[in-house]
Structures are given as C-alpha cells and as structure tokens.
Amino acid sequence: MNLILWRHAEAEDVAASDLARQLTTRGRKQAQSVARWLRTRLPEDAVILASPAARTIQTAESLTDQYRVVRELAPNASVEAVLEAAGWPDGIASTVVVVGHQPTLGEVLAHLLGNEGERRSWAVKKSGLFWIKSRERNGDGEAVLLAAITPDLV
C-alpha cells in the first residue's frame, strides 16, 4: 500500500475552538500547490481521509471533494489510530492519503521509518507531505520513503 501523510496547511491562530480554525490565505495557497503536485500522481481509486478539523478538511478540499472525515484523526490522535484508519500495512485501498496534524504525523513517520531508540517524532512543515510504501522483503514488512514534499519545493 501507499500511505501519504499530509499535514494541514497554515491556519489561523485564533477561532471559537481548535477544530474551527480555518486556513489562512497563505495556507490556501500552500494546500493548492501541494494538491497540484499530488493530483497528477494519485491513482483514481485513492482514498482520502481527513481529521474533523476545519483546516484539514479545507486542505483535503484543495485536492478533491471526495474525502472521508474520520473522527479518530482529530488533533492529538495516536499513531495506532492513524495506522488503523488507513489499514496499514495492507491498506483500506492501494493508496490512502491521511490529512492530519502535528505531532501525530511526525510520530507516525518516526514509528514507520525510524529505528529502535531513535527520535519519537519527526518535524513536518505545514502542508508538508510524506509518501510511504509498505512492502515485504525477506519475509519481513518494511516501510519505504518514496517522497517528501513541502510547498516550497513544488
């Protein structure tokens, strides 16, 4: 499976609640830039999952109107909740995009790509995207980093 972890773009600092925070003008541009890059590479049957936060929904909507809001992906979700929602390592689809938050996405990256005893989280820029593929090698499952993209690079 392909697992794409996409952090929401820049959001306003203040709103009625954390879940209500909207993307800024800059955030909308960031999301649109990364979505353009991603859209040309995603298979048609990709499944897009978004946290219930307004900023993640708006980030997902820059890519498509075909996405699922998953309550378990809300801010401060666990690594296990993200992997379960995506169905890692076999996948609920061949490609799953998770639009979520820090530090959770960085923790998922550290879990999948780090070695025992290494850092517990990776830094992920706003609207940053990591594309990981699961594969089997010598009877063992492993995660392979295929791409790491930020709005500044596309």
C-alpha atoms as a PDB file:
ATOM      1  CA  MET A   1       0.000   0.000   0.000  1.00  0.00           C
ATOM      2  CA  ASN A   2       0.933   3.625  -0.433  1.00  0.00           C
ATOM      3  CA  LEU A   3       0.390   5.795   2.640  1.00  0.00           C
ATOM      4  CA  ILE A   4       0.549   9.542   2.117  1.00  0.00           C
ATOM      5  CA  LEU A   5       0.723  11.659   5.265  1.00  0.00           C
ATOM      6  CA  TRP A   6      -0.199  15.288   4.549  1.00  0.00           C
ATOM      7  CA  ARG A   7      -0.113  17.924   7.257  1.00  0.00           C
ATOM      8  CA  HIS A   8      -2.754  20.634   7.018  1.00  0.00           C
ATOM      9  CA  ALA A   9      -1.641  23.977   5.607  1.00  0.00           C
ATOM     10  CA  GLU A  10      -1.159  27.178   7.611  1.00  0.00           C
ATOM     11  CA  ALA A  11      -4.196  28.008   9.737  1.00  0.00           C
ATOM     12  CA  GLU A  12      -5.355  30.995  11.730  1.00  0.00           C
ATOM     13  CA  ASP A  13      -4.173  31.089  15.337  1.00  0.00           C
ATOM     14  CA  VAL A  14      -7.479  32.000  16.956  1.00  0.00           C
ATOM     15  CA  ALA A  15     -11.002  30.664  16.443  1.00  0.00           C
ATOM     16  CA  ALA A  16     -14.019  29.664  18.518  1.00  0.00           C
ATOM     17  CA  SER A  17     -12.374  26.252  19.035  1.00  0.00           C
ATOM     18  CA  ASP A  18      -9.295  24.399  17.832  1.00  0.00           C
ATOM     19  CA  LEU A  19     -11.408  22.345  15.412  1.00  0.00           C
ATOM     20  CA  ALA A  20     -12.881  25.541  13.920  1.00  0.00           C
ATOM     21  CA  ARG A  21      -9.538  27.096  12.901  1.00  0.00           C
ATOM     22  CA  GLN A  22      -9.587  27.968   9.168  1.00  0.00           C
ATOM     23  CA  LEU A  23      -6.756  28.110   6.636  1.00  0.00           C
ATOM     24  CA  THR A  24      -5.165  31.497   6.090  1.00  0.00           C
ATOM     25  CA  THR A  25      -4.771  32.961   2.593  1.00  0.00           C
ATOM     26  CA  ARG A  26      -1.191  31.679   2.639  1.00  0.00           C
ATOM     27  CA  GLY A  27      -2.430  28.295   3.844  1.00  0.00           C
ATOM     28  CA  ARG A  28      -4.861  28.015   0.941  1.00  0.00           C
ATOM     29  CA  LYS A  29      -2.017  28.712  -1.490  1.00  0.00           C
ATOM     30  CA  GLN A  30       0.181  26.106   0.248  1.00  0.00           C
ATOM     31  CA  ALA A  31      -2.558  23.475   0.064  1.00  0.00           C
ATOM     32  CA  GLN A  32      -3.323  24.230  -3.585  1.00  0.00           C
ATOM     33  CA  SER A  33       0.354  23.994  -4.523  1.00  0.00           C
ATOM     34  CA  VAL A  34       0.863  20.591  -2.892  1.00  0.00           C
ATOM     35  CA  ALA A  35      -2.527  19.371  -4.183  1.00  0.00           C
ATOM     36  CA  ARG A  36      -1.482  20.208  -7.764  1.00  0.00           C
ATOM     37  CA  TRP A  37       1.670  18.115  -7.331  1.00  0.00           C
ATOM     38  CA  LEU A  38      -0.232  15.251  -5.703  1.00  0.00           C
ATOM     39  CA  ARG A  39      -3.219  15.230  -8.098  1.00  0.00           C
ATOM     40  CA  THR A  40      -1.035  14.254 -11.077  1.00  0.00           C
ATOM     41  CA  ARG A  41       0.427  11.303  -9.163  1.00  0.00           C
ATOM     42  CA  LEU A  42      -2.533   9.805  -7.308  1.00  0.00           C
ATOM     43  CA  PRO A  43      -4.352   6.793  -8.706  1.00  0.00           C
ATOM     44  CA  GLU A  44      -8.070   7.314  -9.309  1.00  0.00           C
ATOM     45  CA  ASP A  45      -9.017   4.865  -6.558  1.00  0.00           C
ATOM     46  CA  ALA A  46      -7.033   6.638  -3.822  1.00  0.00           C
ATOM     47  CA  VAL A  47      -8.908   7.127  -0.556  1.00  0.00           C
ATOM     48  CA  ILE A  48      -8.526  10.485   1.203  1.00  0.00           C
ATOM     49  CA  LEU A  49      -9.098  10.608   4.972  1.00  0.00           C
ATOM     50  CA  ALA A  50      -9.242  13.896   6.884  1.00  0.00           C
ATOM     51  CA  SER A  51      -9.379  14.874  10.517  1.00  0.00           C
ATOM     52  CA  PRO A  52     -12.627  16.613  11.547  1.00  0.00           C
ATOM     53  CA  ALA A  53     -10.767  19.925  11.979  1.00  0.00           C
ATOM     54  CA  ALA A  54     -11.779  22.670   9.522  1.00  0.00           C
ATOM     55  CA  ARG A  55      -8.146  23.238   8.481  1.00  0.00           C
ATOM     56  CA  THR A  56      -7.634  19.598   7.464  1.00  0.00           C
ATOM     57  CA  ILE A  57     -10.946  19.481   5.614  1.00  0.00           C
ATOM     58  CA  GLN A  58     -10.003  22.644   3.706  1.00  0.00           C
ATOM     59  CA  THR A  59      -6.595  21.146   2.898  1.00  0.00           C
ATOM     60  CA  ALA A  60      -8.240  17.950   1.595  1.00  0.00           C
ATOM     61  CA  GLU A  61     -10.743  20.001  -0.433  1.00  0.00           C
ATOM     62  CA  SER A  62      -7.842  21.627  -2.294  1.00  0.00           C
ATOM     63  CA  LEU A  63      -7.236  18.140  -3.725  1.00  0.00           C
ATOM     64  CA  THR A  64     -10.748  16.749  -4.187  1.00  0.00           C
ATOM     65  CA  ASP A  65     -14.301  16.804  -2.927  1.00  0.00           C
ATOM     66  CA  GLN A  66     -14.148  13.011  -2.482  1.00  0.00           C
ATOM     67  CA  TYR A  67     -12.807  12.525   1.046  1.00  0.00           C
ATOM     68  CA  ARG A  68     -13.916  10.970   4.325  1.00  0.00           C
ATOM     69  CA  VAL A  69     -13.847  12.759   7.663  1.00  0.00           C
ATOM     70  CA  VAL A  70     -12.525  10.376  10.315  1.00  0.00           C
ATOM     71  CA  ARG A  71     -13.133  11.409  13.918  1.00  0.00           C
ATOM     72  CA  GLU A  72     -10.200   9.280  15.116  1.00  0.00           C
ATOM     73  CA  LEU A  73      -7.766  11.505  13.153  1.00  0.00           C
ATOM     74  CA  ALA A  74      -8.562  14.619  15.245  1.00  0.00           C
ATOM     75  CA  PRO A  75      -5.682  16.613  16.767  1.00  0.00           C
ATOM     76  CA  ASN A  76      -3.537  14.529  19.150  1.00  0.00           C
ATOM     77  CA  ALA A  77      -4.635  11.241  17.593  1.00  0.00           C
ATOM     78  CA  SER A  78      -2.436   8.264  18.350  1.00  0.00           C
ATOM     79  CA  VAL A  79      -0.082   6.580  15.911  1.00  0.00           C
ATOM     80  CA  GLU A  80      -2.230   3.468  16.215  1.00  0.00           C
ATOM     81  CA  ALA A  81      -5.410   5.390  15.309  1.00  0.00           C
ATOM     82  CA  VAL A  82      -3.819   6.749  12.112  1.00  0.00           C
ATOM     83  CA  LEU A  83      -2.460   3.362  11.049  1.00  0.00           C
ATOM     84  CA  GLU A  84      -5.766   1.650  11.834  1.00  0.00           C
ATOM     85  CA  ALA A  85      -7.780   4.237   9.880  1.00  0.00           C
ATOM     86  CA  ALA A  86      -5.506   3.726   6.857  1.00  0.00           C
ATOM     87  CA  GLY A  87      -5.363  -0.049   7.279  1.00  0.00           C
ATOM     88  CA  TRP A  88      -1.546  -0.095   7.372  1.00  0.00           C
ATOM     89  CA  PRO A  89       0.258  -2.122   6.072  1.00  0.00           C
ATOM     90  CA  ASP A  90      -2.285  -3.743   3.740  1.00  0.00           C
ATOM     91  CA  GLY A  91      -4.461  -0.669   3.298  1.00  0.00           C
ATOM     92  CA  ILE A  92      -8.159   0.068   3.029  1.00  0.00           C
ATOM     93  CA  ALA A  93      -7.151   0.946  -0.551  1.00  0.00           C
ATOM     94  CA  SER A  94      -3.941   0.675  -2.555  1.00  0.00           C
ATOM     95  CA  THR A  95      -3.285   4.368  -1.819  1.00  0.00           C
ATOM     96  CA  VAL A  96      -4.516   6.204   1.267  1.00  0.00           C
ATOM     97  CA  VAL A  97      -3.957   9.910   1.934  1.00  0.00           C
ATOM     98  CA  VAL A  98      -4.266  10.978   5.572  1.00  0.00           C
ATOM     99  CA  VAL A  99      -4.684  14.729   6.076  1.00  0.00           C
ATOM    100  CA  GLY A 100      -3.802  15.368   9.690  1.00  0.00           C
ATOM    101  CA  HIS A 101      -1.833  17.177  12.350  1.00  0.00           C
ATOM    102  CA  GLN A 102       1.470  17.506  14.126  1.00  0.00           C
ATOM    103  CA  PRO A 103       2.800  15.985  16.261  1.00  0.00           C
ATOM    104  CA  THR A 104       0.804  12.880  15.281  1.00  0.00           C
ATOM    105  CA  LEU A 105       2.026  12.685  11.670  1.00  0.00           C
ATOM    106  CA  GLY A 106       5.634  13.113  12.799  1.00  0.00           C
ATOM    107  CA  GLU A 107       5.129  10.327  15.320  1.00  0.00           C
ATOM    108  CA  VAL A 108       3.736   8.046  12.593  1.00  0.00           C
ATOM    109  CA  LEU A 109       6.778   8.804  10.424  1.00  0.00           C
ATOM    110  CA  ALA A 110       9.182   8.064  13.278  1.00  0.00           C
ATOM    111  CA  HIS A 111       7.319   4.830  14.011  1.00  0.00           C
ATOM    112  CA  LEU A 112       7.346   3.624  10.391  1.00  0.00           C
ATOM    113  CA  LEU A 113      10.747   4.889   9.227  1.00  0.00           C
ATOM    114  CA  GLY A 114      12.815   5.211  12.397  1.00  0.00           C
ATOM    115  CA  ASN A 115      14.976   2.644  14.125  1.00  0.00           C
ATOM    116  CA  GLU A 116      14.520   1.450  17.682  1.00  0.00           C
ATOM    117  CA  GLY A 117      15.776   4.058  20.127  1.00  0.00           C
ATOM    118  CA  GLU A 118      15.642   6.921  17.612  1.00  0.00           C
ATOM    119  CA  ARG A 119      13.613  10.098  17.945  1.00  0.00           C
ATOM    120  CA  ARG A 120       9.947   9.630  18.682  1.00  0.00           C
ATOM    121  CA  SER A 121       8.731  12.287  16.227  1.00  0.00           C
ATOM    122  CA  TRP A 122       9.770  13.994  13.014  1.00  0.00           C
ATOM    123  CA  ALA A 123       9.128  17.636  12.167  1.00  0.00           C
ATOM    124  CA  VAL A 124       6.619  18.101   9.333  1.00  0.00           C
ATOM    125  CA  LYS A 125       6.170  21.565   7.812  1.00  0.00           C
ATOM    126  CA  LYS A 126       2.694  22.948   7.274  1.00  0.00           C
ATOM    127  CA  SER A 127       1.263  21.395   4.107  1.00  0.00           C
ATOM    128  CA  GLY A 128       4.232  19.009   4.068  1.00  0.00           C
ATOM    129  CA  LEU A 129       3.635  15.578   2.575  1.00  0.00           C
ATOM    130  CA  PHE A 130       5.389  12.235   3.091  1.00  0.00           C
ATOM    131  CA  TRP A 131       4.694   9.299   0.740  1.00  0.00           C
ATOM    132  CA  ILE A 132       5.481   5.891   2.201  1.00  0.00           C
ATOM    133  CA  LYS A 133       5.090   2.459   0.618  1.00  0.00           C
ATOM    134  CA  SER A 134       4.730  -0.795   2.523  1.00  0.00           C
ATOM    135  CA  ARG A 135       6.485  -3.805   1.119  1.00  0.00           C
ATOM    136  CA  GLU A 136       7.679  -7.211   2.132  1.00  0.00           C
ATOM    137  CA  ARG A 137      11.348  -8.078   1.961  1.00  0.00           C
ATOM    138  CA  ASN A 138      12.792 -11.432   3.028  1.00  0.00           C
ATOM    139  CA  GLY A 139       9.526 -12.227   4.779  1.00  0.00           C
ATOM    140  CA  ASP A 140       9.534  -9.018   6.826  1.00  0.00           C
ATOM    141  CA  GLY A 141       7.353  -5.955   6.324  1.00  0.00           C
ATOM    142  CA  GLU A 142       9.054  -2.622   5.865  1.00  0.00           C
ATOM    143  CA  ALA A 143       8.205   0.969   5.073  1.00  0.00           C
ATOM    144  CA  VAL A 144       9.977   2.801   2.256  1.00  0.00           C
ATOM    145  CA  LEU A 145      10.000   6.578   1.850  1.00  0.00           C
ATOM    146  CA  LEU A 146       9.090   7.462  -1.754  1.00  0.00           C
ATOM    147  CA  ALA A 147       8.730  11.249  -1.469  1.00  0.00           C
ATOM    148  CA  ALA A 148       8.919  14.156   0.962  1.00  0.00           C
ATOM    149  CA  ILE A 149       7.428  17.393  -0.371  1.00  0.00           C
ATOM    150  CA  THR A 150       6.829  20.869   1.058  1.00  0.00           C
ATOM    151  CA  PRO A 151       5.020  23.777  -0.592  1.00  0.00           C
ATOM    152  CA  ASP A 152       8.417  25.461  -1.106  1.00  0.00           C
ATOM    153  CA  LEU A 153       9.559  22.574  -3.331  1.00  0.00           C
ATOM    154  CA  VAL A 154       6.622  22.410  -5.743  1.00  0.00           C
END
